[in-house]
């Protein structure tokens, strides 16, 4: 109770001085992943934390406005957008939002951000409480856009989830920027599970697929496999850049996380992630994580980006009983090198695929980072 009161007082003080200097040392976090890899859930692991200002895929605005370009062309525009947003400068959004739509709710899936559902933007979610995204969408729509910047400034951690980086080199200027303290959480998932989820969300991913494939002509039957190949190649590039003779400015800035490890031991894995970025696990967050990954009963999922309580282990294994083996075999072919690097065991037959007693996630994690994470921010910052 006393801790909660101190946190509230700290938040209130910072709110009153939102136009003054931000906390001594903000931490900036990039949750770097690919579509349908568990990143929406992991995003909420950050978003619901009381010390975090979170946005879900702000680069969606770049891709949706300049959709005739390819991912290689757009990566610098995305990088520059992120640099401004990390520093709580939202004027950069002028290029990607029309004046008629410019409000706090103009951001892509804005209601996934607890910070946009809380004071000073909206009083619906009191400080320190878990946000209900459905209710937030109803209660906090259309709030003044200029308040987003004030909200961003009162948090110690600014976290963005992104699926639109396919290499680390374009992020080097952000990692070297003395005004930023950027940490990268590289979230990966079994490509076979990703493929299955992508099939279920095919219409939602059409625009992104075209940009990833640089708008080349691909048959409908081959499109998903080609995108999977690009995604798997990007995971290899990113991991190797961060772990094989990395530049000094990447020291303590990169952490590889497998979604399957999170589903098996969610509290410990999230605790490790929090420690890496300098966040503390709260009782409220521990209870929320347990509820989201070990629920009682079944919940129907309404859309591709909805986050509900689901048995995380069952979700991670669902592809084994629902995805035809011929598709599994093809995904294994196009992602062979990535699966080996990231410690995902292949299956050689439909029988082996459906034997859930066979563990496909090898003991021992993929190669991560040998250096210790940077020190957490001063206790004085929220």
Protein backbone atom coordinates (compact mmCIF):
# COMPACT_ATOMS: atom_id res chain seq x y z
CA UNK A 1 0.00 0.00 0.00
CA UNK A 2 2.82 2.38 0.96
CA UNK A 3 4.70 1.51 -2.24
CA UNK A 4 1.60 2.20 -4.32
CA UNK A 5 1.15 5.56 -2.59
CA UNK A 6 4.77 6.52 -3.29
CA UNK A 7 4.40 5.54 -6.93
CA UNK A 8 1.24 7.65 -7.21
CA UNK A 9 2.91 10.66 -5.60
CA UNK A 10 5.86 10.31 -7.95
CA UNK A 11 3.52 10.12 -10.95
CA UNK A 12 1.49 13.13 -9.75
CA UNK A 13 4.61 15.22 -9.23
CA UNK A 14 5.88 14.38 -12.71
CA UNK A 15 2.48 15.08 -14.23
CA UNK A 16 2.54 18.54 -12.71
CA UNK A 17 5.91 19.22 -14.29
CA UNK A 18 5.37 17.46 -17.61
CA UNK A 19 6.70 20.47 -19.55
CA UNK A 20 9.97 20.42 -17.61
CA UNK A 21 12.86 18.00 -17.96
CA UNK A 22 11.95 14.28 -18.17
CA UNK A 23 13.34 11.73 -15.68
CA UNK A 24 17.15 11.82 -15.46
CA UNK A 25 17.62 8.82 -17.71
CA UNK A 26 14.82 7.34 -19.71
CA UNK A 27 15.16 3.80 -21.00
CA UNK A 28 14.01 3.19 -24.57
CA UNK A 29 12.97 -0.32 -25.52
CA UNK A 30 12.34 -1.80 -28.96
CA UNK A 31 10.34 -5.02 -28.90
CA UNK A 32 11.54 -6.29 -32.26
CA UNK A 33 9.63 -9.21 -33.74
CA UNK A 34 7.59 -10.34 -36.74
CA UNK A 35 3.88 -10.63 -37.30
CA UNK A 36 2.02 -13.39 -35.42
CA UNK A 37 4.95 -14.21 -33.15
CA UNK A 38 3.39 -13.53 -29.78
CA UNK A 39 4.50 -9.90 -29.92
CA UNK A 40 1.04 -8.50 -29.09
CA UNK A 41 1.04 -10.40 -25.80
CA UNK A 42 4.64 -9.43 -25.07
CA UNK A 43 3.74 -5.85 -25.90
CA UNK A 44 1.09 -5.96 -23.19
CA UNK A 45 3.69 -7.28 -20.75
CA UNK A 46 5.28 -3.86 -21.21
CA UNK A 47 2.17 -1.76 -21.80
CA UNK A 48 0.45 -2.79 -18.58
CA UNK A 49 3.50 -1.99 -16.45
CA UNK A 50 2.98 1.27 -14.52
CA UNK A 51 6.40 2.68 -15.51
CA UNK A 52 5.97 2.24 -19.28
CA UNK A 53 4.72 4.46 -22.08
CA UNK A 54 3.90 2.01 -24.88
CA UNK A 55 2.88 2.23 -28.52
CA UNK A 56 2.03 -0.71 -30.74
CA UNK A 57 3.70 -0.62 -34.15
CA UNK A 58 3.95 3.13 -34.79
CA UNK A 59 5.75 2.32 -38.07
CA UNK A 60 2.41 1.03 -39.38
CA UNK A 61 1.65 4.68 -40.17
CA UNK A 62 4.72 4.93 -42.41
CA UNK A 63 3.95 1.73 -44.27
CA UNK A 64 0.27 2.55 -44.72
CA UNK A 65 0.99 6.04 -46.10
CA UNK A 66 3.87 5.02 -48.39
CA UNK A 67 2.66 1.54 -49.24
CA UNK A 68 3.90 1.58 -52.82
CA UNK A 69 7.50 1.39 -51.61
CA UNK A 70 9.31 -1.69 -50.33
CA UNK A 71 10.64 -2.43 -46.88
CA UNK A 72 14.24 -1.60 -47.80
CA UNK A 73 13.25 1.87 -48.99
CA UNK A 74 11.08 2.57 -45.95
CA UNK A 75 13.48 1.46 -43.23
CA UNK A 76 15.16 4.87 -42.87
CA UNK A 77 11.82 6.67 -42.63
CA UNK A 78 10.79 4.17 -39.95
CA UNK A 79 14.10 4.65 -38.12
CA UNK A 80 13.72 8.46 -38.10
CA UNK A 81 10.13 8.17 -36.91
CA UNK A 82 11.26 6.01 -34.00
CA UNK A 83 14.05 8.42 -33.03
CA UNK A 84 11.56 11.29 -32.67
CA UNK A 85 8.94 9.25 -30.84
CA UNK A 86 11.48 7.85 -28.38
CA UNK A 87 12.24 11.46 -27.43
CA UNK A 88 8.52 12.16 -26.99
CA UNK A 89 8.46 14.39 -30.07
CA UNK A 90 5.20 13.55 -31.80
CA UNK A 91 5.32 16.33 -34.38
CA UNK A 92 6.82 13.71 -36.73
CA UNK A 93 3.35 12.19 -37.01
CA UNK A 94 2.23 15.24 -39.03
CA UNK A 95 3.61 13.48 -42.10
CA UNK A 96 1.56 10.34 -41.50
CA UNK A 97 -1.74 11.48 -39.96
CA UNK A 98 -4.33 13.74 -41.51
CA UNK A 99 -5.51 16.73 -39.45
CA UNK A 100 -9.04 15.34 -39.39
CA UNK A 101 -7.88 12.13 -37.72
CA UNK A 102 -5.18 13.60 -35.50
CA UNK A 103 -6.10 12.63 -31.94
CA UNK A 104 -4.60 10.27 -29.39
CA UNK A 105 -6.86 7.60 -30.88
CA UNK A 106 -5.32 8.16 -34.34
CA UNK A 107 -2.45 5.85 -33.43
CA UNK A 108 -2.62 2.31 -34.77
CA UNK A 109 -4.45 0.15 -32.22
CA UNK A 110 -4.03 2.96 -29.67
CA UNK A 111 -6.22 1.27 -27.06
CA UNK A 112 -3.52 -1.40 -26.64
CA UNK A 113 -1.56 1.26 -24.74
CA UNK A 114 -2.44 1.60 -21.06
CA UNK A 115 -0.70 5.00 -21.09
CA UNK A 116 -3.23 6.30 -23.66
CA UNK A 117 -6.04 5.08 -21.42
CA UNK A 118 -4.66 6.76 -18.28
CA UNK A 119 -4.12 10.32 -16.96
CA UNK A 120 -3.25 12.84 -18.23
CA UNK A 121 -4.95 11.60 -21.42
CA UNK A 122 -7.91 9.75 -19.96
CA UNK A 123 -9.03 9.07 -16.39
CA UNK A 124 -10.54 5.69 -17.22
CA UNK A 125 -7.55 3.65 -16.00
CA UNK A 126 -6.16 4.97 -12.69
CA UNK A 127 -2.41 4.87 -12.26
CA UNK A 128 -1.10 1.40 -11.42
CA UNK A 129 -4.21 -0.48 -12.55
CA UNK A 130 -4.48 -2.92 -15.44
CA UNK A 131 -6.22 -1.43 -18.46
CA UNK A 132 -9.21 -3.05 -20.15
CA UNK A 133 -8.67 -2.48 -23.87
CA UNK A 134 -12.32 -2.90 -24.86
CA UNK A 135 -13.52 -0.38 -22.29
CA UNK A 136 -10.66 1.99 -23.04
CA UNK A 137 -11.66 2.03 -26.71
CA UNK A 138 -15.12 3.20 -25.69
CA UNK A 139 -14.16 5.65 -22.95
CA UNK A 140 -10.92 7.26 -24.18
CA UNK A 141 -11.52 7.80 -27.88
CA UNK A 142 -10.66 11.17 -29.44
CA UNK A 143 -8.54 12.72 -26.67
CA UNK A 144 -6.32 15.73 -27.59
CA UNK A 145 -3.25 14.69 -29.54
CA UNK A 146 -0.98 17.19 -27.77
CA UNK A 147 -1.55 15.33 -24.50
CA UNK A 148 0.27 12.28 -25.89
CA UNK A 149 3.58 14.12 -25.61
CA UNK A 150 2.88 15.13 -22.02
CA UNK A 151 1.98 11.56 -21.15
CA UNK A 152 5.15 10.22 -22.76
CA UNK A 153 7.35 12.53 -20.69
CA UNK A 154 6.18 11.28 -17.29
CA UNK A 155 7.30 7.67 -17.74
CA UNK A 156 10.78 6.26 -17.13
CA UNK A 157 10.47 3.73 -19.99
CA UNK A 158 9.32 4.34 -23.57
CA UNK A 159 8.58 1.04 -25.33
CA UNK A 160 7.58 0.42 -28.94
CA UNK A 161 6.66 -2.91 -30.47
CA UNK A 162 7.74 -3.18 -34.11
CA UNK A 163 7.53 -5.82 -36.84
CA UNK A 164 9.04 -3.67 -39.60
CA UNK A 165 12.78 -3.96 -39.06
CA UNK A 166 14.59 -6.74 -40.92
CA UNK A 167 18.16 -5.93 -39.90
CA UNK A 168 19.98 -4.03 -37.14
CA UNK A 169 22.18 -1.77 -39.26
CA UNK A 170 19.50 0.87 -39.77
CA UNK A 171 19.16 1.06 -35.97
CA UNK A 172 22.85 1.76 -35.37
CA UNK A 173 22.38 5.58 -35.27
CA UNK A 174 19.76 5.14 -32.53
CA UNK A 175 22.03 2.83 -30.56
CA UNK A 176 24.86 5.36 -30.80
CA UNK A 177 22.67 8.40 -30.01
CA UNK A 178 23.75 9.80 -26.59
CA UNK A 179 20.19 11.03 -26.01
CA UNK A 180 18.80 7.50 -26.17
CA UNK A 181 19.32 4.42 -24.03
CA UNK A 182 17.98 1.83 -26.46
CA UNK A 183 17.56 -1.83 -25.49
CA UNK A 184 16.39 -4.40 -28.05
CA UNK A 185 14.23 -7.38 -27.14
CA UNK A 186 14.32 -9.71 -30.16
CA UNK A 187 11.25 -11.94 -29.89
CA UNK A 188 11.13 -15.04 -32.09
CA UNK A 189 8.65 -17.89 -32.48
CA UNK A 190 8.62 -21.31 -34.15
CA UNK A 191 8.16 -20.53 -37.89
CA UNK A 192 5.59 -23.34 -38.20
CA UNK A 193 3.40 -21.72 -35.57
CA UNK A 194 3.92 -18.33 -37.21
CA UNK A 195 2.84 -19.75 -40.57
CA UNK A 196 -0.33 -21.25 -39.12
CA UNK A 197 -1.25 -17.96 -37.44
CA UNK A 198 -0.51 -16.01 -40.60
CA UNK A 199 -2.90 -18.23 -42.57
CA UNK A 200 -5.64 -17.38 -40.08
CA UNK A 201 -4.92 -13.65 -40.42
CA UNK A 202 -4.23 -13.54 -44.16
CA UNK A 203 -6.45 -10.54 -44.99
CA UNK A 204 -4.94 -8.43 -42.19
CA UNK A 205 -1.45 -9.01 -43.60
CA UNK A 206 -1.95 -8.36 -47.34
CA UNK A 207 -0.50 -4.83 -47.34
CA UNK A 208 2.51 -5.84 -45.25
CA UNK A 209 3.19 -8.92 -47.39
CA UNK A 210 3.46 -6.81 -50.53
CA UNK A 211 5.92 -4.40 -48.89
CA UNK A 212 8.03 -7.22 -47.43
CA UNK A 213 8.26 -8.84 -50.87
CA UNK A 214 9.12 -5.50 -52.52
CA UNK A 215 5.88 -5.75 -54.56
CA UNK A 216 7.18 -8.55 -56.75
CA UNK A 217 4.66 -10.82 -58.44
CA UNK A 218 4.09 -13.94 -56.37
CA UNK A 219 1.30 -16.47 -56.69
CA UNK A 220 -1.19 -16.64 -53.85
CA UNK A 221 -0.07 -20.18 -53.06
CA UNK A 222 3.57 -19.08 -52.68
CA UNK A 223 3.14 -15.68 -51.01
CA UNK A 224 3.09 -16.87 -47.42
CA UNK A 225 6.12 -19.13 -47.91
CA UNK A 226 8.11 -16.32 -49.51
CA UNK A 227 7.24 -13.95 -46.66
CA UNK A 228 8.21 -16.63 -44.13
CA UNK A 229 11.54 -17.02 -45.88
CA UNK A 230 12.20 -13.27 -45.60
CA UNK A 231 11.19 -13.27 -41.94
CA UNK A 232 13.45 -16.22 -41.13
CA UNK A 233 16.35 -14.65 -42.97
CA UNK A 234 15.83 -11.45 -41.01
CA UNK A 235 15.99 -13.31 -37.69
CA UNK A 236 19.32 -14.78 -38.75
CA UNK A 237 20.70 -11.39 -39.83
CA UNK A 238 19.58 -9.67 -36.63
CA UNK A 239 20.88 -12.35 -34.27
CA UNK A 240 24.20 -12.72 -36.04
CA UNK A 241 24.73 -8.95 -36.18
CA UNK A 242 24.18 -8.75 -32.43
CA UNK A 243 26.21 -11.80 -31.38
CA UNK A 244 29.01 -12.35 -33.90
CA UNK A 245 31.65 -9.63 -33.48
CA UNK A 246 29.07 -6.94 -32.68
CA UNK A 247 30.05 -3.26 -32.52
CA UNK A 248 30.83 -1.90 -29.03
CA UNK A 249 27.68 0.23 -28.86
CA UNK A 250 25.58 -2.97 -28.85
CA UNK A 251 27.09 -3.97 -25.50
CA UNK A 252 24.25 -4.92 -23.16
CA UNK A 253 21.63 -3.73 -25.64
CA UNK A 254 20.32 -6.97 -27.19
CA UNK A 255 18.38 -9.87 -25.73
CA UNK A 256 16.96 -12.79 -27.69
CA UNK A 257 13.69 -14.25 -26.38
CA UNK A 258 11.85 -17.33 -27.66
CA UNK A 259 8.09 -17.17 -27.36
CA UNK A 260 7.99 -20.88 -26.47
CA UNK A 261 10.25 -20.28 -23.46
CA UNK A 262 7.90 -17.54 -22.30
CA UNK A 263 4.89 -19.86 -22.57
CA UNK A 264 6.61 -22.55 -20.52
CA UNK A 265 7.89 -20.36 -17.73
CA UNK A 266 6.21 -16.95 -18.12
CA UNK A 267 7.01 -15.36 -14.76
CA UNK A 268 10.71 -16.19 -14.85
CA UNK A 269 11.12 -15.20 -18.50
CA UNK A 270 9.32 -11.89 -18.02
CA UNK A 271 11.31 -11.26 -14.83
CA UNK A 272 14.52 -11.71 -16.84
CA UNK A 273 13.25 -9.31 -19.52
CA UNK A 274 12.29 -6.73 -16.91
CA UNK A 275 15.72 -6.96 -15.32
CA UNK A 276 17.34 -6.46 -18.71
CA UNK A 277 15.51 -3.17 -19.28
CA UNK A 278 15.50 -1.99 -15.66
CA UNK A 279 11.87 -2.62 -14.68
CA UNK A 280 10.61 -4.18 -11.47
CA UNK A 281 8.08 -6.99 -11.38
CA UNK A 282 5.01 -5.84 -9.43
CA UNK A 283 2.46 -8.05 -7.70
CA UNK A 284 -0.20 -6.75 -10.08
CA UNK A 285 1.87 -7.62 -13.14
CA UNK A 286 2.72 -11.10 -11.81
CA UNK A 287 -0.98 -11.80 -11.24
CA UNK A 288 -1.87 -10.47 -14.70
CA UNK A 289 0.80 -12.60 -16.41
CA UNK A 290 -0.40 -15.72 -14.59
CA UNK A 291 -3.99 -15.02 -15.56
CA UNK A 292 -3.14 -14.39 -19.22
CA UNK A 293 -1.02 -17.52 -19.63
CA UNK A 294 -2.77 -19.97 -17.27
CA UNK A 295 -6.48 -19.08 -17.48
CA UNK A 296 -9.50 -20.90 -16.14
CA UNK A 297 -11.92 -21.83 -18.92
CA UNK A 298 -11.84 -20.91 -22.61
CA UNK A 299 -12.08 -17.46 -24.20
CA UNK A 300 -13.11 -16.87 -27.79
CA UNK A 301 -10.71 -14.65 -29.73
CA UNK A 302 -12.52 -12.07 -31.86
CA UNK A 303 -9.69 -10.67 -34.02
CA UNK A 304 -6.03 -11.11 -34.88
CA UNK A 305 -4.77 -8.46 -32.46
CA UNK A 306 -6.98 -9.24 -29.46
CA UNK A 307 -5.18 -10.28 -26.28
CA UNK A 308 -7.12 -12.70 -24.09
CA UNK A 309 -6.45 -15.24 -21.37
CA UNK A 310 -5.35 -18.44 -23.13
CA UNK A 311 -3.28 -21.44 -22.16
CA UNK A 312 0.01 -20.27 -23.60
CA UNK A 313 1.58 -23.72 -23.96
CA UNK A 314 -1.43 -25.08 -25.84
CA UNK A 315 -1.41 -22.05 -28.14
CA UNK A 316 2.28 -22.52 -28.91
CA UNK A 317 1.71 -26.20 -29.81
CA UNK A 318 -1.54 -25.82 -31.77
CA UNK A 319 0.16 -25.97 -35.17
CA UNK A 320 1.19 -29.58 -34.51
CA UNK A 321 -2.38 -30.89 -34.66
CA UNK A 322 -3.95 -28.43 -37.11
CA UNK A 323 -1.36 -27.65 -39.80
CA UNK A 324 -1.11 -30.21 -42.63
CA UNK A 325 2.26 -31.94 -42.69
CA UNK A 326 2.97 -30.94 -46.30
CA UNK A 327 2.83 -27.28 -45.20
CA UNK A 328 4.96 -27.99 -42.14
CA UNK A 329 7.55 -29.64 -44.37
CA UNK A 330 7.63 -26.64 -46.72
CA UNK A 331 8.05 -24.13 -43.87
CA UNK A 332 10.89 -26.23 -42.52
CA UNK A 333 12.55 -26.07 -45.93
CA UNK A 334 12.33 -22.28 -46.36
CA UNK A 335 13.34 -21.66 -42.72
CA UNK A 336 15.86 -24.46 -42.31
CA UNK A 337 18.84 -22.31 -41.32
CA UNK A 338 16.84 -20.14 -38.93
CA UNK A 339 15.28 -23.15 -37.21
CA UNK A 340 18.71 -24.64 -36.64
CA UNK A 341 20.15 -21.38 -35.32
CA UNK A 342 17.18 -20.75 -33.03
CA UNK A 343 17.00 -24.33 -31.72
CA UNK A 344 13.72 -25.49 -33.25
CA UNK A 345 13.73 -29.22 -34.00
CA UNK A 346 12.21 -30.32 -37.30
CA UNK A 347 9.71 -33.19 -37.69
CA UNK A 348 10.13 -35.82 -40.41
CA UNK A 349 6.62 -37.26 -40.52
CA UNK A 350 3.02 -36.48 -39.68
CA UNK A 351 3.19 -39.03 -36.88
CA UNK A 352 6.16 -37.31 -35.28
CA UNK A 353 4.51 -33.94 -35.75
CA UNK A 354 1.40 -34.96 -33.83
CA UNK A 355 3.20 -36.71 -30.98
CA UNK A 356 3.02 -33.95 -28.41
CA UNK A 357 5.18 -35.94 -26.01
CA UNK A 358 8.14 -35.26 -28.31
CA UNK A 359 9.77 -31.97 -27.31
CA UNK A 360 10.65 -29.90 -30.37
CA UNK A 361 12.17 -27.03 -28.43
CA UNK A 362 15.67 -28.17 -27.66
CA UNK A 363 17.19 -27.67 -24.22
CA UNK A 364 19.48 -24.72 -24.10
CA UNK A 365 18.50 -21.39 -25.58
CA UNK A 366 19.74 -19.90 -28.84
CA UNK A 367 22.86 -17.84 -28.66
CA UNK A 368 22.01 -14.62 -26.90
CA UNK A 369 24.29 -11.95 -25.58
CA UNK A 370 27.24 -12.69 -23.31
CA UNK A 371 27.53 -9.21 -21.86
CA UNK A 372 25.50 -8.17 -18.84
CA UNK A 373 22.63 -5.72 -19.35
CA UNK A 374 23.17 -2.08 -18.61
CA UNK A 375 22.31 -0.78 -15.17
CA UNK A 376 18.65 0.09 -14.51
CA UNK A 377 17.66 3.75 -14.25
CA UNK A 378 17.94 5.67 -11.01
CA UNK A 379 15.28 4.88 -8.44
CA UNK A 380 14.14 8.47 -8.65
CA UNK A 381 12.60 8.00 -12.10
CA UNK A 382 9.17 6.47 -12.51
